[in-house]
């Protein structure tokens, strides 16, 4: 099991990449549509907001168990929005 240490200043994108997740998988974990997740990750106006911090915390706490896979069909339906 890999241990991840997070700098307080890590961006949502850095956390996602560190966890080796796609934007689609990250949006599913955060419970938001893909477009919303992309906006959170790329728009600097969202940094520091409750939504941004909540998404960061969800991704930091998320741990993919060995052999566990996220069902892509479930994600794509959930991301429609």
C-alpha atoms as a PDB file:
ATOM      1  CA  UNK A   1       0.000   0.000   0.000  1.00  0.00           C
ATOM      2  CA  UNK A   2       1.393   3.346  -1.020  1.00  0.00           C
ATOM      3  CA  UNK A   3       1.411   6.179   1.473  1.00  0.00           C
ATOM      4  CA  UNK A   4       0.730   9.665   0.239  1.00  0.00           C
ATOM      5  CA  UNK A   5       1.778  12.800   2.047  1.00  0.00           C
ATOM      6  CA  UNK A   6      -0.040  15.946   1.044  1.00  0.00           C
ATOM      7  CA  UNK A   7       1.248  19.445   1.126  1.00  0.00           C
ATOM      8  CA  UNK A   8      -1.381  21.900   2.341  1.00  0.00           C
ATOM      9  CA  UNK A   9      -0.919  23.863  -0.886  1.00  0.00           C
ATOM     10  CA  UNK A  10      -1.495  20.898  -3.238  1.00  0.00           C
ATOM     11  CA  UNK A  11      -4.094  21.623  -5.867  1.00  0.00           C
ATOM     12  CA  UNK A  12      -7.040  19.394  -6.646  1.00  0.00           C
ATOM     13  CA  UNK A  13      -5.322  18.380  -9.883  1.00  0.00           C
ATOM     14  CA  UNK A  14      -2.089  17.445  -8.088  1.00  0.00           C
ATOM     15  CA  UNK A  15      -4.005  15.294  -5.603  1.00  0.00           C
ATOM     16  CA  UNK A  16      -5.900  13.558  -8.420  1.00  0.00           C
ATOM     17  CA  UNK A  17      -2.739  12.872 -10.403  1.00  0.00           C
ATOM     18  CA  UNK A  18      -0.957  11.649  -7.267  1.00  0.00           C
ATOM     19  CA  UNK A  19      -3.794   9.151  -6.746  1.00  0.00           C
ATOM     20  CA  UNK A  20      -3.617   8.141 -10.446  1.00  0.00           C
ATOM     21  CA  UNK A  21      -7.268   8.981 -11.048  1.00  0.00           C
ATOM     22  CA  UNK A  22      -8.946  10.360 -14.144  1.00  0.00           C
ATOM     23  CA  UNK A  23     -11.144  13.441 -13.912  1.00  0.00           C
ATOM     24  CA  UNK A  24     -14.137  11.176 -14.482  1.00  0.00           C
ATOM     25  CA  UNK A  25     -13.181   8.922 -11.562  1.00  0.00           C
ATOM     26  CA  UNK A  26     -12.478  11.933  -9.331  1.00  0.00           C
ATOM     27  CA  UNK A  27     -15.870  13.468 -10.165  1.00  0.00           C
ATOM     28  CA  UNK A  28     -17.548  10.191  -9.202  1.00  0.00           C
ATOM     29  CA  UNK A  29     -15.672  10.039  -5.884  1.00  0.00           C
ATOM     30  CA  UNK A  30     -16.619  13.663  -5.138  1.00  0.00           C
ATOM     31  CA  UNK A  31     -20.240  13.096  -6.143  1.00  0.00           C
ATOM     32  CA  UNK A  32     -20.366  15.899  -8.676  1.00  0.00           C
ATOM     33  CA  UNK A  33     -20.917  15.913 -12.457  1.00  0.00           C
ATOM     34  CA  UNK A  34     -17.775  15.733 -14.581  1.00  0.00           C
ATOM     35  CA  UNK A  35     -18.222  19.297 -15.864  1.00  0.00           C
ATOM     36  CA  UNK A  36     -18.464  20.615 -12.286  1.00  0.00           C
ATOM     37  CA  UNK A  37     -15.330  18.720 -11.292  1.00  0.00           C
ATOM     38  CA  UNK A  38     -13.416  20.103 -14.284  1.00  0.00           C
ATOM     39  CA  UNK A  39     -14.508  23.597 -13.321  1.00  0.00           C
ATOM     40  CA  UNK A  40     -13.330  23.085  -9.717  1.00  0.00           C
ATOM     41  CA  UNK A  41      -9.987  21.751 -10.898  1.00  0.00           C
ATOM     42  CA  UNK A  42      -9.256  24.385 -13.550  1.00  0.00           C
ATOM     43  CA  UNK A  43     -10.907  27.629 -12.388  1.00  0.00           C
ATOM     44  CA  UNK A  44      -8.727  29.416  -9.837  1.00  0.00           C
ATOM     45  CA  UNK A  45     -11.774  31.329  -8.519  1.00  0.00           C
ATOM     46  CA  UNK A  46     -12.965  28.147  -6.796  1.00  0.00           C
ATOM     47  CA  UNK A  47      -9.774  27.585  -4.785  1.00  0.00           C
ATOM     48  CA  UNK A  48     -10.483  28.116  -1.104  1.00  0.00           C
ATOM     49  CA  UNK A  49     -14.243  27.665  -1.447  1.00  0.00           C
ATOM     50  CA  UNK A  50     -16.157  25.065   0.537  1.00  0.00           C
ATOM     51  CA  UNK A  51     -16.793  22.949  -2.592  1.00  0.00           C
ATOM     52  CA  UNK A  52     -13.121  22.967  -3.540  1.00  0.00           C
ATOM     53  CA  UNK A  53     -11.929  22.086  -0.044  1.00  0.00           C
ATOM     54  CA  UNK A  54     -14.574  19.379   0.318  1.00  0.00           C
ATOM     55  CA  UNK A  55     -13.560  17.813  -3.004  1.00  0.00           C
ATOM     56  CA  UNK A  56      -9.886  17.979  -1.948  1.00  0.00           C
ATOM     57  CA  UNK A  57     -10.651  16.220   1.327  1.00  0.00           C
ATOM     58  CA  UNK A  58     -12.694  13.515  -0.398  1.00  0.00           C
ATOM     59  CA  UNK A  59      -9.860  12.788  -2.825  1.00  0.00           C
ATOM     60  CA  UNK A  60      -7.228  12.841  -0.077  1.00  0.00           C
ATOM     61  CA  UNK A  61      -9.247  10.347   1.984  1.00  0.00           C
ATOM     62  CA  UNK A  62     -10.075   8.082  -0.955  1.00  0.00           C
ATOM     63  CA  UNK A  63      -8.123   4.849  -1.144  1.00  0.00           C
ATOM     64  CA  UNK A  64      -8.615   2.418  -3.977  1.00  0.00           C
ATOM     65  CA  UNK A  65      -8.459  -1.120  -2.650  1.00  0.00           C
ATOM     66  CA  UNK A  66      -6.421  -3.629  -4.562  1.00  0.00           C
ATOM     67  CA  UNK A  67      -8.326  -5.177  -7.442  1.00  0.00           C
ATOM     68  CA  UNK A  68     -11.182  -2.695  -6.935  1.00  0.00           C
ATOM     69  CA  UNK A  69     -12.246  -0.982 -10.097  1.00  0.00           C
ATOM     70  CA  UNK A  70     -14.716   1.816 -10.580  1.00  0.00           C
ATOM     71  CA  UNK A  71     -17.411   0.835 -13.046  1.00  0.00           C
ATOM     72  CA  UNK A  72     -17.029   3.212 -16.003  1.00  0.00           C
ATOM     73  CA  UNK A  73     -20.681   2.820 -17.027  1.00  0.00           C
ATOM     74  CA  UNK A  74     -21.846   3.926 -13.585  1.00  0.00           C
ATOM     75  CA  UNK A  75     -19.538   6.916 -13.698  1.00  0.00           C
ATOM     76  CA  UNK A  76     -20.613   8.077 -17.132  1.00  0.00           C
ATOM     77  CA  UNK A  77     -24.295   7.905 -16.188  1.00  0.00           C
ATOM     78  CA  UNK A  78     -23.626   9.718 -12.897  1.00  0.00           C
ATOM     79  CA  UNK A  79     -21.627  12.419 -14.684  1.00  0.00           C
ATOM     80  CA  UNK A  80     -24.431  13.441 -17.037  1.00  0.00           C
ATOM     81  CA  UNK A  81     -25.886  15.597 -14.459  1.00  0.00           C
END
